Amino acid sequence: MQKTEGNTLYPIFLKLNKLDTLIVGGGNVGLEKVGFILKNSPDANITMVSIDFLPELIEKIKGFNVELIKRAFEETDLEGRNIIVCATDDRSLHERIVTLTRESKILVNVADTPDLCDFYLGSIVSRGDLKIAISTNGKSPTLGKRIRQYLEDALPNNTQTIIDSLHTFRNTLTGDFQSKVEALNEITKKISDRED
């Protein structure tokens, strides 16, 4: 097997409304993480555990499916969870949570601590149904944000209309798989050429 250089992360898009997410921490980092998740998955199921919660955080989650538990983290908080996001400034707590999740195979993200993470929360560009995730392998989130800004400026405002039109066209295609792929490649080439 050939060894690959660079970013070997495998990108996936999760349906967070079908999963159970726990965020440990209710300060600035917790606010950032819950805001990021809700911006991209407004129907996510989230529980947050923290001794205290910022007023801005309490305001931000209004109208979303987020439960706040005001107390210190307990091991039982992990029961039934699929994803954990550690968002405190307590590395020893984060290490304890990571150790506890290893047997249960719960995926963990630890803010600003790549060596403890199973996955990263990258920068995301959204235009209707188009979603692009950007990763720098945890090395430079700032560059990821800059690339996100560039792509947001570069994508046409009618991206959703283009997607809907292509979906309608795709549903009219007949023939075998290869002929459908060729037809879609031809029309998307015309679209990208027109944008240049």
N, C-alpha and C. Protein backbone atom coordinates (compact mmCIF):
# COMPACT_ATOMS: atom_id res chain seq x y z
N MET A 1 0.84 -1.18 0.00
CA MET A 1 0.00 0.00 0.00
C MET A 1 0.88 1.24 0.00
N GLN A 2 0.53 2.19 -0.84
CA GLN A 2 1.31 3.42 -0.97
C GLN A 2 0.96 4.38 0.16
N LYS A 3 1.98 4.95 0.78
CA LYS A 3 1.77 5.93 1.84
C LYS A 3 1.45 7.28 1.21
N THR A 4 0.43 7.93 1.73
CA THR A 4 0.00 9.22 1.20
C THR A 4 0.56 10.33 2.07
N GLU A 5 1.07 11.36 1.44
CA GLU A 5 1.56 12.54 2.15
C GLU A 5 0.43 13.54 2.30
N GLY A 6 0.53 14.42 3.28
CA GLY A 6 -0.46 15.48 3.43
C GLY A 6 -1.65 15.06 4.25
N ASN A 7 -2.78 15.68 3.98
CA ASN A 7 -3.99 15.49 4.75
C ASN A 7 -4.64 14.15 4.40
N THR A 8 -4.69 13.23 5.36
CA THR A 8 -5.28 11.92 5.12
C THR A 8 -6.66 11.79 5.77
N LEU A 9 -7.24 12.90 6.22
CA LEU A 9 -8.56 12.86 6.84
C LEU A 9 -9.61 12.48 5.79
N TYR A 10 -10.65 11.78 6.23
CA TYR A 10 -11.73 11.40 5.33
C TYR A 10 -12.94 12.28 5.63
N PRO A 11 -13.34 13.15 4.70
CA PRO A 11 -14.47 14.05 4.97
C PRO A 11 -15.80 13.33 4.84
N ILE A 12 -16.70 13.60 5.78
CA ILE A 12 -18.06 13.08 5.71
C ILE A 12 -19.03 14.19 6.12
N PHE A 13 -20.29 14.05 5.74
CA PHE A 13 -21.33 14.99 6.15
C PHE A 13 -22.31 14.23 7.01
N LEU A 14 -22.44 14.65 8.26
CA LEU A 14 -23.25 13.94 9.24
C LEU A 14 -24.66 14.52 9.33
N LYS A 15 -25.64 13.65 9.54
CA LYS A 15 -27.02 14.07 9.80
C LYS A 15 -27.17 14.19 11.31
N LEU A 16 -26.86 15.38 11.84
CA LEU A 16 -26.83 15.55 13.30
C LEU A 16 -28.21 15.51 13.94
N ASN A 17 -29.27 15.55 13.14
CA ASN A 17 -30.60 15.37 13.71
C ASN A 17 -30.86 13.90 14.04
N LYS A 18 -30.03 12.99 13.52
CA LYS A 18 -30.17 11.56 13.80
C LYS A 18 -29.13 11.08 14.81
N LEU A 19 -28.28 11.98 15.26
CA LEU A 19 -27.23 11.64 16.21
C LEU A 19 -27.41 12.45 17.48
N ASP A 20 -26.71 12.06 18.52
CA ASP A 20 -26.79 12.77 19.80
C ASP A 20 -25.43 13.36 20.13
N THR A 21 -25.37 14.69 20.19
CA THR A 21 -24.11 15.40 20.39
C THR A 21 -24.07 16.01 21.78
N LEU A 22 -22.94 15.86 22.45
CA LEU A 22 -22.70 16.48 23.76
C LEU A 22 -21.57 17.48 23.61
N ILE A 23 -21.80 18.70 24.10
CA ILE A 23 -20.74 19.70 24.18
C ILE A 23 -20.46 19.94 25.65
N VAL A 24 -19.21 19.76 26.06
CA VAL A 24 -18.81 19.99 27.44
C VAL A 24 -18.15 21.36 27.50
N GLY A 25 -18.80 22.30 28.14
CA GLY A 25 -18.29 23.67 28.24
C GLY A 25 -19.34 24.67 27.81
N GLY A 26 -19.45 25.76 28.57
CA GLY A 26 -20.45 26.77 28.28
C GLY A 26 -19.89 28.18 28.18
N GLY A 27 -18.57 28.28 28.02
CA GLY A 27 -17.92 29.59 27.89
C GLY A 27 -17.78 29.99 26.44
N ASN A 28 -16.75 30.78 26.14
CA ASN A 28 -16.54 31.29 24.79
C ASN A 28 -16.34 30.18 23.76
N VAL A 29 -15.59 29.15 24.14
CA VAL A 29 -15.34 28.06 23.19
C VAL A 29 -16.62 27.26 22.97
N GLY A 30 -17.38 27.01 24.03
CA GLY A 30 -18.66 26.33 23.89
C GLY A 30 -19.61 27.12 23.01
N LEU A 31 -19.63 28.44 23.19
CA LEU A 31 -20.46 29.32 22.36
C LEU A 31 -20.06 29.21 20.89
N GLU A 32 -18.76 29.23 20.62
CA GLU A 32 -18.27 29.11 19.24
C GLU A 32 -18.67 27.77 18.63
N LYS A 33 -18.49 26.69 19.39
CA LYS A 33 -18.77 25.35 18.85
C LYS A 33 -20.25 25.14 18.60
N VAL A 34 -21.11 25.52 19.56
CA VAL A 34 -22.54 25.32 19.36
C VAL A 34 -23.04 26.21 18.24
N GLY A 35 -22.50 27.43 18.13
CA GLY A 35 -22.90 28.32 17.05
C GLY A 35 -22.53 27.75 15.69
N PHE A 36 -21.33 27.20 15.58
CA PHE A 36 -20.86 26.60 14.33
C PHE A 36 -21.74 25.42 13.94
N ILE A 37 -22.04 24.56 14.91
CA ILE A 37 -22.86 23.39 14.61
C ILE A 37 -24.26 23.81 14.18
N LEU A 38 -24.87 24.72 14.93
CA LEU A 38 -26.25 25.13 14.62
C LEU A 38 -26.34 25.88 13.29
N LYS A 39 -25.30 26.62 12.94
CA LYS A 39 -25.30 27.33 11.65
C LYS A 39 -25.38 26.33 10.50
N ASN A 40 -24.70 25.20 10.65
CA ASN A 40 -24.63 24.22 9.59
C ASN A 40 -25.64 23.09 9.72
N SER A 41 -26.12 22.82 10.93
CA SER A 41 -27.10 21.77 11.17
C SER A 41 -28.12 22.27 12.19
N PRO A 42 -29.01 23.16 11.77
CA PRO A 42 -29.95 23.77 12.72
C PRO A 42 -30.89 22.79 13.39
N ASP A 43 -31.02 21.58 12.84
CA ASP A 43 -31.88 20.58 13.46
C ASP A 43 -31.10 19.56 14.31
N ALA A 44 -29.84 19.87 14.64
CA ALA A 44 -29.00 18.98 15.45
C ALA A 44 -29.59 18.78 16.84
N ASN A 45 -29.38 17.59 17.41
CA ASN A 45 -29.74 17.29 18.79
C ASN A 45 -28.49 17.50 19.65
N ILE A 46 -28.51 18.50 20.52
CA ILE A 46 -27.32 18.85 21.29
C ILE A 46 -27.67 18.97 22.77
N THR A 47 -26.80 18.42 23.60
CA THR A 47 -26.85 18.65 25.04
C THR A 47 -25.55 19.33 25.41
N MET A 48 -25.63 20.34 26.27
CA MET A 48 -24.43 21.03 26.74
C MET A 48 -24.36 20.91 28.25
N VAL A 49 -23.17 20.57 28.76
CA VAL A 49 -22.94 20.46 30.19
C VAL A 49 -21.86 21.44 30.59
N SER A 50 -22.17 22.25 31.60
CA SER A 50 -21.19 23.22 32.09
C SER A 50 -21.62 23.74 33.46
N ILE A 51 -20.65 24.13 34.26
CA ILE A 51 -20.96 24.72 35.56
C ILE A 51 -21.69 26.05 35.35
N ASP A 52 -21.37 26.74 34.26
CA ASP A 52 -22.02 28.01 33.97
C ASP A 52 -22.10 28.19 32.46
N PHE A 53 -23.06 29.01 31.99
CA PHE A 53 -23.24 29.28 30.57
C PHE A 53 -23.25 30.79 30.34
N LEU A 54 -22.53 31.23 29.31
CA LEU A 54 -22.55 32.64 28.95
C LEU A 54 -23.97 33.07 28.56
N PRO A 55 -24.37 34.28 28.93
CA PRO A 55 -25.68 34.77 28.51
C PRO A 55 -25.84 34.76 26.98
N GLU A 56 -24.77 35.05 26.24
CA GLU A 56 -24.83 35.04 24.78
C GLU A 56 -25.13 33.64 24.25
N LEU A 57 -24.60 32.63 24.93
CA LEU A 57 -24.84 31.24 24.53
C LEU A 57 -26.31 30.90 24.76
N ILE A 58 -26.82 31.26 25.92
CA ILE A 58 -28.23 30.99 26.23
C ILE A 58 -29.14 31.65 25.19
N GLU A 59 -28.79 32.85 24.79
CA GLU A 59 -29.57 33.57 23.78
C GLU A 59 -29.46 32.89 22.42
N LYS A 60 -28.24 32.46 22.04
CA LYS A 60 -27.99 31.88 20.71
C LYS A 60 -28.77 30.59 20.49
N ILE A 61 -28.97 29.79 21.53
CA ILE A 61 -29.60 28.47 21.34
C ILE A 61 -31.12 28.52 21.36
N LYS A 62 -31.69 29.69 21.64
CA LYS A 62 -33.16 29.79 21.69
C LYS A 62 -33.75 29.36 20.34
N GLY A 63 -34.76 28.50 20.41
CA GLY A 63 -35.43 28.03 19.20
C GLY A 63 -34.77 26.80 18.59
N PHE A 64 -33.67 26.33 19.17
CA PHE A 64 -32.98 25.13 18.68
C PHE A 64 -33.16 23.99 19.68
N ASN A 65 -32.84 22.78 19.22
CA ASN A 65 -32.97 21.59 20.06
C ASN A 65 -31.68 21.39 20.88
N VAL A 66 -31.46 22.32 21.82
CA VAL A 66 -30.27 22.28 22.67
C VAL A 66 -30.72 22.28 24.13
N GLU A 67 -30.26 21.27 24.87
CA GLU A 67 -30.56 21.18 26.30
C GLU A 67 -29.32 21.61 27.09
N LEU A 68 -29.51 22.48 28.06
CA LEU A 68 -28.42 22.92 28.92
C LEU A 68 -28.53 22.23 30.27
N ILE A 69 -27.41 21.65 30.72
CA ILE A 69 -27.33 21.03 32.05
C ILE A 69 -26.27 21.79 32.83
N LYS A 70 -26.70 22.50 33.88
CA LYS A 70 -25.80 23.39 34.62
C LYS A 70 -25.21 22.65 35.81
N ARG A 71 -24.07 22.02 35.58
CA ARG A 71 -23.30 21.31 36.60
C ARG A 71 -22.01 20.84 35.97
N ALA A 72 -21.14 20.27 36.79
CA ALA A 72 -19.88 19.72 36.27
C ALA A 72 -20.16 18.45 35.45
N PHE A 73 -19.26 18.16 34.52
CA PHE A 73 -19.35 16.94 33.72
C PHE A 73 -19.34 15.71 34.61
N GLU A 74 -20.18 14.73 34.26
CA GLU A 74 -20.19 13.43 34.94
C GLU A 74 -20.07 12.34 33.88
N GLU A 75 -19.49 11.22 34.27
CA GLU A 75 -19.28 10.12 33.33
C GLU A 75 -20.59 9.67 32.68
N THR A 76 -21.70 9.73 33.41
CA THR A 76 -22.99 9.31 32.86
C THR A 76 -23.46 10.22 31.71
N ASP A 77 -22.86 11.40 31.58
CA ASP A 77 -23.22 12.29 30.47
C ASP A 77 -22.89 11.68 29.11
N LEU A 78 -22.01 10.70 29.10
CA LEU A 78 -21.60 10.07 27.84
C LEU A 78 -22.61 9.04 27.33
N GLU A 79 -23.52 8.61 28.18
CA GLU A 79 -24.45 7.55 27.81
C GLU A 79 -25.36 7.99 26.67
N GLY A 80 -25.39 7.17 25.62
CA GLY A 80 -26.25 7.43 24.47
C GLY A 80 -25.73 8.47 23.50
N ARG A 81 -24.52 8.94 23.71
CA ARG A 81 -23.96 9.98 22.83
C ARG A 81 -23.24 9.34 21.64
N ASN A 82 -23.26 10.06 20.53
CA ASN A 82 -22.51 9.65 19.35
C ASN A 82 -21.27 10.50 19.14
N ILE A 83 -21.38 11.78 19.52
CA ILE A 83 -20.31 12.75 19.29
C ILE A 83 -20.14 13.60 20.54
N ILE A 84 -18.88 13.83 20.91
CA ILE A 84 -18.56 14.70 22.05
C ILE A 84 -17.66 15.82 21.54
N VAL A 85 -17.97 17.05 21.97
CA VAL A 85 -17.10 18.18 21.70
C VAL A 85 -16.66 18.73 23.05
N CYS A 86 -15.37 18.69 23.33
CA CYS A 86 -14.81 19.23 24.57
C CYS A 86 -14.43 20.68 24.33
N ALA A 87 -15.04 21.58 25.11
CA ALA A 87 -14.87 23.01 24.85
C ALA A 87 -14.64 23.77 26.15
N THR A 88 -13.71 23.28 26.95
CA THR A 88 -13.33 23.98 28.17
C THR A 88 -11.85 24.32 28.08
N ASP A 89 -11.30 24.91 29.14
CA ASP A 89 -9.85 25.16 29.17
C ASP A 89 -9.15 24.19 30.11
N ASP A 90 -9.79 23.05 30.37
CA ASP A 90 -9.29 22.05 31.32
C ASP A 90 -8.79 20.82 30.56
N ARG A 91 -7.48 20.80 30.24
CA ARG A 91 -6.94 19.67 29.47
C ARG A 91 -7.09 18.34 30.20
N SER A 92 -6.94 18.33 31.51
CA SER A 92 -7.06 17.06 32.24
C SER A 92 -8.49 16.51 32.12
N LEU A 93 -9.49 17.38 32.14
CA LEU A 93 -10.87 16.93 31.93
C LEU A 93 -11.03 16.38 30.53
N HIS A 94 -10.48 17.05 29.55
CA HIS A 94 -10.57 16.59 28.17
C HIS A 94 -9.89 15.22 28.01
N GLU A 95 -8.73 15.05 28.62
CA GLU A 95 -8.03 13.76 28.54
C GLU A 95 -8.86 12.67 29.19
N ARG A 96 -9.50 12.98 30.30
CA ARG A 96 -10.37 12.00 30.99
C ARG A 96 -11.54 11.61 30.09
N ILE A 97 -12.17 12.59 29.45
CA ILE A 97 -13.30 12.30 28.57
C ILE A 97 -12.85 11.44 27.38
N VAL A 98 -11.72 11.78 26.78
CA VAL A 98 -11.20 10.99 25.66
C VAL A 98 -10.95 9.55 26.10
N THR A 99 -10.35 9.34 27.27
CA THR A 99 -10.11 7.99 27.78
C THR A 99 -11.43 7.24 27.98
N LEU A 100 -12.42 7.91 28.53
CA LEU A 100 -13.72 7.28 28.78
C LEU A 100 -14.43 6.89 27.48
N THR A 101 -14.20 7.63 26.41
CA THR A 101 -14.90 7.35 25.15
C THR A 101 -14.24 6.27 24.31
N ARG A 102 -13.01 5.91 24.60
CA ARG A 102 -12.29 4.95 23.76
C ARG A 102 -13.01 3.60 23.67
N GLU A 103 -13.51 3.09 24.80
CA GLU A 103 -14.17 1.78 24.78
C GLU A 103 -15.50 1.83 24.05
N SER A 104 -16.21 2.94 24.17
CA SER A 104 -17.55 3.04 23.57
C SER A 104 -17.52 3.50 22.12
N LYS A 105 -16.35 3.89 21.63
CA LYS A 105 -16.17 4.33 20.23
C LYS A 105 -16.94 5.61 19.91
N ILE A 106 -17.17 6.44 20.90
CA ILE A 106 -17.78 7.74 20.67
C ILE A 106 -16.73 8.65 20.03
N LEU A 107 -17.11 9.40 19.00
CA LEU A 107 -16.17 10.31 18.35
C LEU A 107 -16.02 11.58 19.17
N VAL A 108 -14.77 12.05 19.32
CA VAL A 108 -14.49 13.21 20.17
C VAL A 108 -13.70 14.26 19.41
N ASN A 109 -14.13 15.52 19.60
CA ASN A 109 -13.36 16.68 19.15
C ASN A 109 -12.98 17.47 20.38
N VAL A 110 -11.70 17.81 20.50
CA VAL A 110 -11.22 18.60 21.63
C VAL A 110 -10.71 19.92 21.06
N ALA A 111 -11.37 21.00 21.44
CA ALA A 111 -11.03 22.31 20.89
C ALA A 111 -9.55 22.63 21.06
N ASP A 112 -8.92 23.03 19.95
CA ASP A 112 -7.52 23.48 19.95
C ASP A 112 -6.54 22.45 20.48
N THR A 113 -6.89 21.16 20.38
CA THR A 113 -5.99 20.10 20.84
C THR A 113 -6.03 18.94 19.84
N PRO A 114 -5.41 19.12 18.67
CA PRO A 114 -5.50 18.11 17.62
C PRO A 114 -5.10 16.70 18.04
N ASP A 115 -4.12 16.58 18.95
CA ASP A 115 -3.66 15.24 19.32
C ASP A 115 -4.72 14.43 20.07
N LEU A 116 -5.73 15.07 20.63
CA LEU A 116 -6.79 14.35 21.34
C LEU A 116 -8.03 14.13 20.47
N CYS A 117 -8.06 14.67 19.26
CA CYS A 117 -9.26 14.64 18.41
C CYS A 117 -9.37 13.37 17.57
N ASP A 118 -10.62 12.90 17.42
CA ASP A 118 -10.94 11.88 16.42
C ASP A 118 -11.33 12.54 15.11
N PHE A 119 -11.79 13.79 15.19
CA PHE A 119 -12.21 14.53 14.00
C PHE A 119 -12.04 16.02 14.28
N TYR A 120 -12.02 16.80 13.21
CA TYR A 120 -11.92 18.26 13.32
C TYR A 120 -13.19 18.90 12.78
N LEU A 121 -13.49 20.08 13.29
CA LEU A 121 -14.58 20.90 12.75
C LEU A 121 -13.94 21.91 11.81
N GLY A 122 -14.00 21.65 10.52
CA GLY A 122 -13.35 22.52 9.54
C GLY A 122 -14.19 23.72 9.19
N SER A 123 -13.67 24.57 8.32
CA SER A 123 -14.44 25.69 7.80
C SER A 123 -15.43 25.16 6.77
N ILE A 124 -16.59 25.81 6.68
CA ILE A 124 -17.65 25.33 5.79
C ILE A 124 -18.20 26.48 4.96
N VAL A 125 -18.37 26.20 3.67
CA VAL A 125 -19.02 27.13 2.76
C VAL A 125 -20.38 26.52 2.40
N SER A 126 -21.45 27.30 2.54
CA SER A 126 -22.79 26.82 2.18
C SER A 126 -23.45 27.78 1.22
N ARG A 127 -24.06 27.21 0.19
CA ARG A 127 -24.91 27.95 -0.75
C ARG A 127 -26.09 27.04 -1.04
N GLY A 128 -27.16 27.18 -0.29
CA GLY A 128 -28.31 26.30 -0.48
C GLY A 128 -27.92 24.87 -0.21
N ASP A 129 -28.11 24.00 -1.20
CA ASP A 129 -27.78 22.58 -1.04
C ASP A 129 -26.30 22.27 -1.25
N LEU A 130 -25.53 23.25 -1.71
CA LEU A 130 -24.09 23.04 -1.88
C LEU A 130 -23.38 23.31 -0.56
N LYS A 131 -22.59 22.36 -0.12
CA LYS A 131 -21.81 22.54 1.10
C LYS A 131 -20.40 22.03 0.83
N ILE A 132 -19.41 22.86 1.14
CA ILE A 132 -18.00 22.52 0.93
C ILE A 132 -17.29 22.62 2.27
N ALA A 133 -16.65 21.53 2.67
CA ALA A 133 -15.89 21.52 3.92
C ALA A 133 -14.41 21.69 3.60
N ILE A 134 -13.72 22.47 4.45
CA ILE A 134 -12.31 22.79 4.23
C ILE A 134 -11.52 22.37 5.46
N SER A 135 -10.44 21.65 5.25
CA SER A 135 -9.60 21.21 6.36
C SER A 135 -8.14 21.51 6.08
N THR A 136 -7.44 21.96 7.09
CA THR A 136 -5.99 22.11 7.02
C THR A 136 -5.32 21.08 7.93
N ASN A 137 -6.05 20.00 8.21
CA ASN A 137 -5.53 18.92 9.06
C ASN A 137 -5.25 19.44 10.48
N GLY A 138 -6.02 20.43 10.91
CA GLY A 138 -5.85 20.97 12.25
C GLY A 138 -4.67 21.91 12.41
N LYS A 139 -3.95 22.19 11.32
CA LYS A 139 -2.72 22.98 11.43
C LYS A 139 -2.93 24.49 11.33
N SER A 140 -3.93 24.92 10.55
CA SER A 140 -4.14 26.36 10.40
C SER A 140 -5.61 26.67 10.15
N PRO A 141 -6.42 26.68 11.20
CA PRO A 141 -7.84 27.05 11.03
C PRO A 141 -8.01 28.43 10.40
N THR A 142 -7.07 29.34 10.65
CA THR A 142 -7.17 30.69 10.08
C THR A 142 -7.11 30.63 8.56
N LEU A 143 -6.22 29.81 7.99
CA LEU A 143 -6.16 29.67 6.54
C LEU A 143 -7.45 29.06 6.02
N GLY A 144 -7.99 28.07 6.74
CA GLY A 144 -9.27 27.48 6.35
C GLY A 144 -10.36 28.53 6.26
N LYS A 145 -10.39 29.46 7.22
CA LYS A 145 -11.38 30.53 7.21
C LYS A 145 -11.18 31.47 6.02
N ARG A 146 -9.91 31.77 5.69
CA ARG A 146 -9.62 32.64 4.55
C ARG A 146 -10.08 31.99 3.24
N ILE A 147 -9.82 30.70 3.11
CA ILE A 147 -10.25 29.98 1.90
C ILE A 147 -11.78 29.95 1.84
N ARG A 148 -12.42 29.77 2.99
CA ARG A 148 -13.88 29.81 3.04
C ARG A 148 -14.40 31.15 2.52
N GLN A 149 -13.79 32.24 2.99
CA GLN A 149 -14.22 33.58 2.55
C GLN A 149 -14.03 33.74 1.04
N TYR A 150 -12.91 33.24 0.53
CA TYR A 150 -12.66 33.32 -0.91
C TYR A 150 -13.74 32.58 -1.70
N LEU A 151 -14.06 31.36 -1.28
CA LEU A 151 -15.06 30.56 -1.99
C LEU A 151 -16.45 31.19 -1.88
N GLU A 152 -16.77 31.76 -0.72
CA GLU A 152 -18.07 32.42 -0.57
C GLU A 152 -18.20 33.57 -1.56
N ASP A 153 -17.11 34.30 -1.78
CA ASP A 153 -17.13 35.40 -2.75
C ASP A 153 -17.16 34.89 -4.19
N ALA A 154 -16.52 33.74 -4.44
CA ALA A 154 -16.39 33.22 -5.81
C ALA A 154 -17.64 32.50 -6.31
N LEU A 155 -18.41 31.89 -5.41
CA LEU A 155 -19.59 31.13 -5.85
C LEU A 155 -20.70 32.08 -6.30
N PRO A 156 -21.37 31.74 -7.40
CA PRO A 156 -22.45 32.62 -7.88
C PRO A 156 -23.63 32.63 -6.90
N ASN A 157 -24.34 33.75 -6.87
CA ASN A 157 -25.49 33.88 -5.98
C ASN A 157 -26.63 32.94 -6.37
N ASN A 158 -26.65 32.51 -7.63
CA ASN A 158 -27.72 31.63 -8.09
C ASN A 158 -27.31 30.15 -8.03
N THR A 159 -26.40 29.81 -7.14
CA THR A 159 -25.93 28.42 -7.03
C THR A 159 -27.10 27.46 -6.80
N GLN A 160 -28.05 27.81 -5.93
CA GLN A 160 -29.17 26.92 -5.66
C GLN A 160 -30.03 26.71 -6.90
N THR A 161 -30.23 27.76 -7.69
CA THR A 161 -31.00 27.64 -8.93
C THR A 161 -30.31 26.67 -9.89
N ILE A 162 -28.99 26.78 -9.98
CA ILE A 162 -28.22 25.86 -10.83
C ILE A 162 -28.39 24.42 -10.35
N ILE A 163 -28.27 24.21 -9.04
CA ILE A 163 -28.42 22.86 -8.48
C ILE A 163 -29.81 22.31 -8.79
N ASP A 164 -30.84 23.12 -8.56
CA ASP A 164 -32.22 22.67 -8.82
C ASP A 164 -32.43 22.32 -10.29
N SER A 165 -31.87 23.14 -11.19
CA SER A 165 -32.00 22.88 -12.63
C SER A 165 -31.30 21.58 -13.02
N LEU A 166 -30.11 21.37 -12.47
CA LEU A 166 -29.37 20.13 -12.76
C LEU A 166 -30.10 18.91 -12.22
N HIS A 167 -30.72 19.05 -11.07
CA HIS A 167 -31.49 17.95 -10.48
C HIS A 167 -32.68 17.60 -11.40
N THR A 168 -33.37 18.63 -11.86
CA THR A 168 -34.50 18.41 -12.78
C THR A 168 -34.02 17.74 -14.06
N PHE A 169 -32.92 18.23 -14.62
CA PHE A 169 -32.36 17.64 -15.84
C PHE A 169 -31.95 16.19 -15.62
N ARG A 170 -31.30 15.94 -14.50
CA ARG A 170 -30.85 14.58 -14.17
C ARG A 170 -32.02 13.60 -14.14
N ASN A 171 -33.16 14.05 -13.62
CA ASN A 171 -34.33 13.17 -13.53
C ASN A 171 -34.95 12.86 -14.88
N THR A 172 -34.61 13.63 -15.92
CA THR A 172 -35.15 13.37 -17.26
C THR A 172 -34.26 12.42 -18.07
N LEU A 173 -33.06 12.16 -17.58
CA LEU A 173 -32.11 11.35 -18.35
C LEU A 173 -32.53 9.89 -18.40
N THR A 174 -32.31 9.28 -19.54
CA THR A 174 -32.54 7.85 -19.70
C THR A 174 -31.25 7.21 -20.21
N GLY A 175 -31.23 5.92 -20.25
CA GLY A 175 -30.04 5.22 -20.73
C GLY A 175 -29.24 4.64 -19.58
N ASP A 176 -28.07 4.13 -19.90
CA ASP A 176 -27.25 3.50 -18.88
C ASP A 176 -26.50 4.55 -18.05
N PHE A 177 -25.85 4.09 -17.01
CA PHE A 177 -25.15 4.97 -16.07
C PHE A 177 -24.12 5.84 -16.78
N GLN A 178 -23.33 5.23 -17.68
CA GLN A 178 -22.26 5.96 -18.36
C GLN A 178 -22.81 7.10 -19.22
N SER A 179 -23.90 6.86 -19.92
CA SER A 179 -24.45 7.91 -20.77
C SER A 179 -25.02 9.05 -19.92
N LYS A 180 -25.58 8.73 -18.76
CA LYS A 180 -26.07 9.77 -17.84
C LYS A 180 -24.91 10.62 -17.32
N VAL A 181 -23.82 9.96 -16.95
CA VAL A 181 -22.64 10.68 -16.46
C VAL A 181 -22.10 11.61 -17.54
N GLU A 182 -22.01 11.12 -18.77
CA GLU A 182 -21.51 11.94 -19.87
C GLU A 182 -22.39 13.16 -20.10
N ALA A 183 -23.71 12.97 -20.06
CA ALA A 183 -24.63 14.09 -20.27
C ALA A 183 -24.49 15.13 -19.16
N LEU A 184 -24.39 14.67 -17.92
CA LEU A 184 -24.22 15.59 -16.79
C LEU A 184 -22.87 16.30 -16.84
N ASN A 185 -21.84 15.58 -17.24
CA ASN A 185 -20.51 16.21 -17.38
C ASN A 185 -20.54 17.30 -18.43
N GLU A 186 -21.23 17.05 -19.53
CA GLU A 186 -21.30 18.04 -20.62
C GLU A 186 -22.04 19.30 -20.18
N ILE A 187 -23.15 19.13 -19.51
CA ILE A 187 -23.92 20.32 -19.10
C ILE A 187 -23.22 21.09 -17.99
N THR A 188 -22.59 20.39 -17.04
CA THR A 188 -21.88 21.12 -15.97
C THR A 188 -20.63 21.81 -16.51
N LYS A 189 -20.02 21.24 -17.55
CA LYS A 189 -18.88 21.92 -18.19
C LYS A 189 -19.34 23.24 -18.81
N LYS A 190 -20.50 23.23 -19.43
CA LYS A 190 -21.05 24.44 -20.04
C LYS A 190 -21.33 25.51 -18.97
N ILE A 191 -21.83 25.06 -17.83
CA ILE A 191 -22.11 26.00 -16.74
C ILE A 191 -20.83 26.62 -16.21
N SER A 192 -19.79 25.79 -15.98
CA SER A 192 -18.54 26.32 -15.46
C SER A 192 -17.84 27.20 -16.48
N ASP A 193 -17.95 26.86 -17.78
CA ASP A 193 -17.37 27.71 -18.83
C ASP A 193 -18.05 29.08 -18.87
N ARG A 194 -19.37 29.08 -18.67
CA ARG A 194 -20.13 30.33 -18.70
C ARG A 194 -19.76 31.23 -17.54
N GLU A 195 -19.38 30.63 -16.40
CA GLU A 195 -19.02 31.42 -15.22
C GLU A 195 -17.66 32.09 -15.38
N ASP A 196 -16.78 31.53 -16.24
CA ASP A 196 -15.42 32.08 -16.40
C ASP A 196 -15.40 33.45 -17.03
